[in-house]
Each structure stands twice: as structure tokens, then as C-alpha cells.
Amino acid sequence: MELQRAKQIVSNSSVDIDVEFNGVSVWIDEVHEDTNTATVHLRGPGEERTQVGIDDLKEVTH
């Protein structure tokens, strides 16, 4: 995923956009431009957050 798209997804938090990290559905909580990473957490139960490379995120289109 590109940095700009990740920032758009975070700013449009009212819209449900399906994003995956290693095949697992996640929410993007925050984008860190300086390190090209994002803080994400799994969809569903559990609020554990982790920092991942934006290049490792994939927007799923149906």
C-alpha cells in the first residue's frame, strides 16, 4: 500500500475499508510518515496494537 492511501483510509474512519496485513484483516490506527509504518490492530475482539510497514498492508477490494 502507498503512504498516501494509508493516510486517506485513516482520515476516512467513518468508512469501512478492508485492509489486510499478512492475510489478516486489520484496522489502521495511525500512520507514521517518518518511518513509513502504521500502527494497526486486528478487527474483532482484542485491542493489541502493533507497528507494521505500510508496504506490507493491502487494501482488499471486493
N, C-alpha and C. Protein backbone atom coordinates (compact mmCIF):
# COMPACT_ATOMS: atom_id res chain seq x y z
N MET A 1 0.85 -1.16 0.00
CA MET A 1 0.00 0.00 0.00
C MET A 1 0.90 1.23 0.00
N GLU A 2 0.42 2.30 -0.59
CA GLU A 2 1.16 3.55 -0.61
C GLU A 2 0.84 4.38 0.62
N LEU A 3 1.79 5.19 1.05
CA LEU A 3 1.64 6.04 2.23
C LEU A 3 0.40 6.93 2.12
N GLN A 4 0.21 7.58 0.97
CA GLN A 4 -0.94 8.48 0.81
C GLN A 4 -2.26 7.75 1.00
N ARG A 5 -2.36 6.52 0.48
CA ARG A 5 -3.60 5.77 0.60
C ARG A 5 -3.85 5.39 2.06
N ALA A 6 -2.81 5.00 2.78
CA ALA A 6 -2.96 4.67 4.20
C ALA A 6 -3.47 5.90 4.97
N LYS A 7 -2.95 7.08 4.65
CA LYS A 7 -3.40 8.30 5.32
C LYS A 7 -4.86 8.59 4.98
N GLN A 8 -5.28 8.35 3.74
CA GLN A 8 -6.68 8.55 3.34
C GLN A 8 -7.60 7.62 4.13
N ILE A 9 -7.19 6.37 4.28
CA ILE A 9 -8.01 5.40 5.00
C ILE A 9 -8.19 5.83 6.45
N VAL A 10 -7.12 6.30 7.09
CA VAL A 10 -7.22 6.75 8.48
C VAL A 10 -8.13 7.98 8.58
N SER A 11 -8.02 8.90 7.64
CA SER A 11 -8.83 10.12 7.71
C SER A 11 -10.29 9.86 7.38
N ASN A 12 -10.60 8.76 6.70
CA ASN A 12 -11.99 8.39 6.39
C ASN A 12 -12.46 7.29 7.32
N SER A 13 -12.23 7.46 8.61
CA SER A 13 -12.52 6.40 9.57
C SER A 13 -14.00 6.03 9.64
N SER A 14 -14.88 6.89 9.12
CA SER A 14 -16.30 6.57 9.14
C SER A 14 -16.67 5.55 8.06
N VAL A 15 -15.77 5.33 7.11
CA VAL A 15 -16.00 4.38 6.03
C VAL A 15 -15.23 3.08 6.35
N ASP A 16 -15.90 1.94 6.20
CA ASP A 16 -15.27 0.65 6.48
C ASP A 16 -14.49 0.19 5.26
N ILE A 17 -13.16 0.32 5.33
CA ILE A 17 -12.28 -0.08 4.23
C ILE A 17 -11.50 -1.30 4.69
N ASP A 18 -11.60 -2.38 3.93
CA ASP A 18 -10.98 -3.65 4.31
C ASP A 18 -9.49 -3.62 3.98
N VAL A 19 -8.66 -3.73 5.04
CA VAL A 19 -7.21 -3.74 4.89
C VAL A 19 -6.67 -5.00 5.55
N GLU A 20 -5.69 -5.62 4.91
CA GLU A 20 -5.08 -6.84 5.46
C GLU A 20 -3.59 -6.67 5.67
N PHE A 21 -3.10 -7.36 6.70
CA PHE A 21 -1.67 -7.49 6.96
C PHE A 21 -1.39 -8.98 7.05
N ASN A 22 -0.57 -9.50 6.17
CA ASN A 22 -0.26 -10.94 6.11
C ASN A 22 -1.54 -11.79 6.06
N GLY A 23 -2.52 -11.32 5.28
CA GLY A 23 -3.76 -12.08 5.09
C GLY A 23 -4.76 -11.95 6.22
N VAL A 24 -4.47 -11.12 7.23
CA VAL A 24 -5.37 -10.94 8.38
C VAL A 24 -5.96 -9.54 8.32
N SER A 25 -7.26 -9.43 8.53
CA SER A 25 -7.95 -8.16 8.47
C SER A 25 -7.59 -7.29 9.67
N VAL A 26 -7.18 -6.03 9.39
CA VAL A 26 -6.75 -5.11 10.45
C VAL A 26 -7.37 -3.73 10.25
N TRP A 27 -7.36 -2.95 11.33
CA TRP A 27 -7.70 -1.52 11.30
C TRP A 27 -6.40 -0.74 11.35
N ILE A 28 -6.30 0.32 10.57
CA ILE A 28 -5.16 1.22 10.67
C ILE A 28 -5.51 2.29 11.69
N ASP A 29 -4.73 2.39 12.75
CA ASP A 29 -4.98 3.38 13.80
C ASP A 29 -4.24 4.68 13.55
N GLU A 30 -3.01 4.56 13.07
CA GLU A 30 -2.17 5.75 12.91
C GLU A 30 -1.11 5.47 11.85
N VAL A 31 -0.76 6.50 11.09
CA VAL A 31 0.28 6.40 10.07
C VAL A 31 1.49 7.21 10.53
N HIS A 32 2.68 6.62 10.42
CA HIS A 32 3.92 7.28 10.83
C HIS A 32 4.75 7.54 9.56
N GLU A 33 4.63 8.76 9.03
CA GLU A 33 5.29 9.10 7.77
C GLU A 33 6.81 8.99 7.86
N ASP A 34 7.38 9.38 9.00
CA ASP A 34 8.83 9.42 9.12
C ASP A 34 9.48 8.04 9.01
N THR A 35 8.74 6.99 9.40
CA THR A 35 9.30 5.63 9.33
C THR A 35 8.57 4.76 8.31
N ASN A 36 7.59 5.34 7.59
CA ASN A 36 6.80 4.61 6.60
C ASN A 36 6.17 3.36 7.22
N THR A 37 5.63 3.54 8.44
CA THR A 37 4.97 2.45 9.14
C THR A 37 3.58 2.90 9.59
N ALA A 38 2.79 1.94 10.06
CA ALA A 38 1.47 2.24 10.59
C ALA A 38 1.23 1.41 11.84
N THR A 39 0.48 1.98 12.77
CA THR A 39 0.04 1.22 13.93
C THR A 39 -1.31 0.62 13.57
N VAL A 40 -1.45 -0.69 13.72
CA VAL A 40 -2.69 -1.40 13.36
C VAL A 40 -3.12 -2.29 14.51
N HIS A 41 -4.40 -2.69 14.47
CA HIS A 41 -4.87 -3.73 15.38
C HIS A 41 -5.86 -4.63 14.63
N LEU A 42 -5.99 -5.86 15.11
CA LEU A 42 -6.88 -6.83 14.47
C LEU A 42 -8.32 -6.37 14.54
N ARG A 43 -9.07 -6.68 13.52
CA ARG A 43 -10.52 -6.45 13.57
C ARG A 43 -11.11 -7.48 14.51
N GLY A 44 -12.17 -7.09 15.18
CA GLY A 44 -12.82 -8.01 16.10
C GLY A 44 -12.27 -7.88 17.50
N PRO A 45 -12.47 -8.90 18.31
CA PRO A 45 -12.03 -8.82 19.71
C PRO A 45 -10.52 -8.69 19.83
N GLY A 46 -10.11 -8.00 20.85
CA GLY A 46 -8.68 -7.82 21.07
C GLY A 46 -8.23 -6.46 20.57
N GLU A 47 -7.51 -5.77 21.37
CA GLU A 47 -7.08 -4.42 21.02
C GLU A 47 -5.56 -4.31 20.95
N GLU A 48 -4.84 -5.41 20.85
CA GLU A 48 -3.39 -5.35 20.79
C GLU A 48 -2.96 -4.65 19.51
N ARG A 49 -2.13 -3.63 19.68
CA ARG A 49 -1.66 -2.87 18.53
C ARG A 49 -0.22 -3.23 18.22
N THR A 50 0.12 -3.14 16.94
CA THR A 50 1.48 -3.41 16.51
C THR A 50 1.83 -2.46 15.39
N GLN A 51 3.11 -2.21 15.23
CA GLN A 51 3.58 -1.32 14.17
C GLN A 51 4.10 -2.18 13.02
N VAL A 52 3.62 -1.87 11.81
CA VAL A 52 3.98 -2.66 10.63
C VAL A 52 4.37 -1.71 9.50
N GLY A 53 5.09 -2.23 8.52
CA GLY A 53 5.44 -1.45 7.35
C GLY A 53 4.23 -1.20 6.48
N ILE A 54 4.08 0.02 6.01
CA ILE A 54 2.93 0.35 5.15
C ILE A 54 2.97 -0.49 3.88
N ASP A 55 4.15 -0.80 3.38
CA ASP A 55 4.26 -1.62 2.18
C ASP A 55 3.70 -3.03 2.39
N ASP A 56 3.57 -3.45 3.65
CA ASP A 56 3.05 -4.79 3.96
C ASP A 56 1.53 -4.81 4.10
N LEU A 57 0.89 -3.66 4.01
CA LEU A 57 -0.57 -3.58 4.10
C LEU A 57 -1.16 -3.69 2.71
N LYS A 58 -2.34 -4.30 2.64
CA LYS A 58 -3.01 -4.48 1.35
C LYS A 58 -4.48 -4.11 1.49
N GLU A 59 -4.94 -3.25 0.63
CA GLU A 59 -6.36 -2.90 0.60
C GLU A 59 -7.08 -3.98 -0.20
N VAL A 60 -8.13 -4.52 0.38
CA VAL A 60 -8.89 -5.59 -0.25
C VAL A 60 -10.11 -4.98 -0.93
N THR A 61 -10.23 -5.23 -2.23
CA THR A 61 -11.40 -4.75 -2.97
C THR A 61 -12.26 -5.95 -3.32
N HIS A 62 -13.54 -5.73 -3.24
CA HIS A 62 -14.49 -6.83 -3.50
C HIS A 62 -15.16 -6.65 -4.81
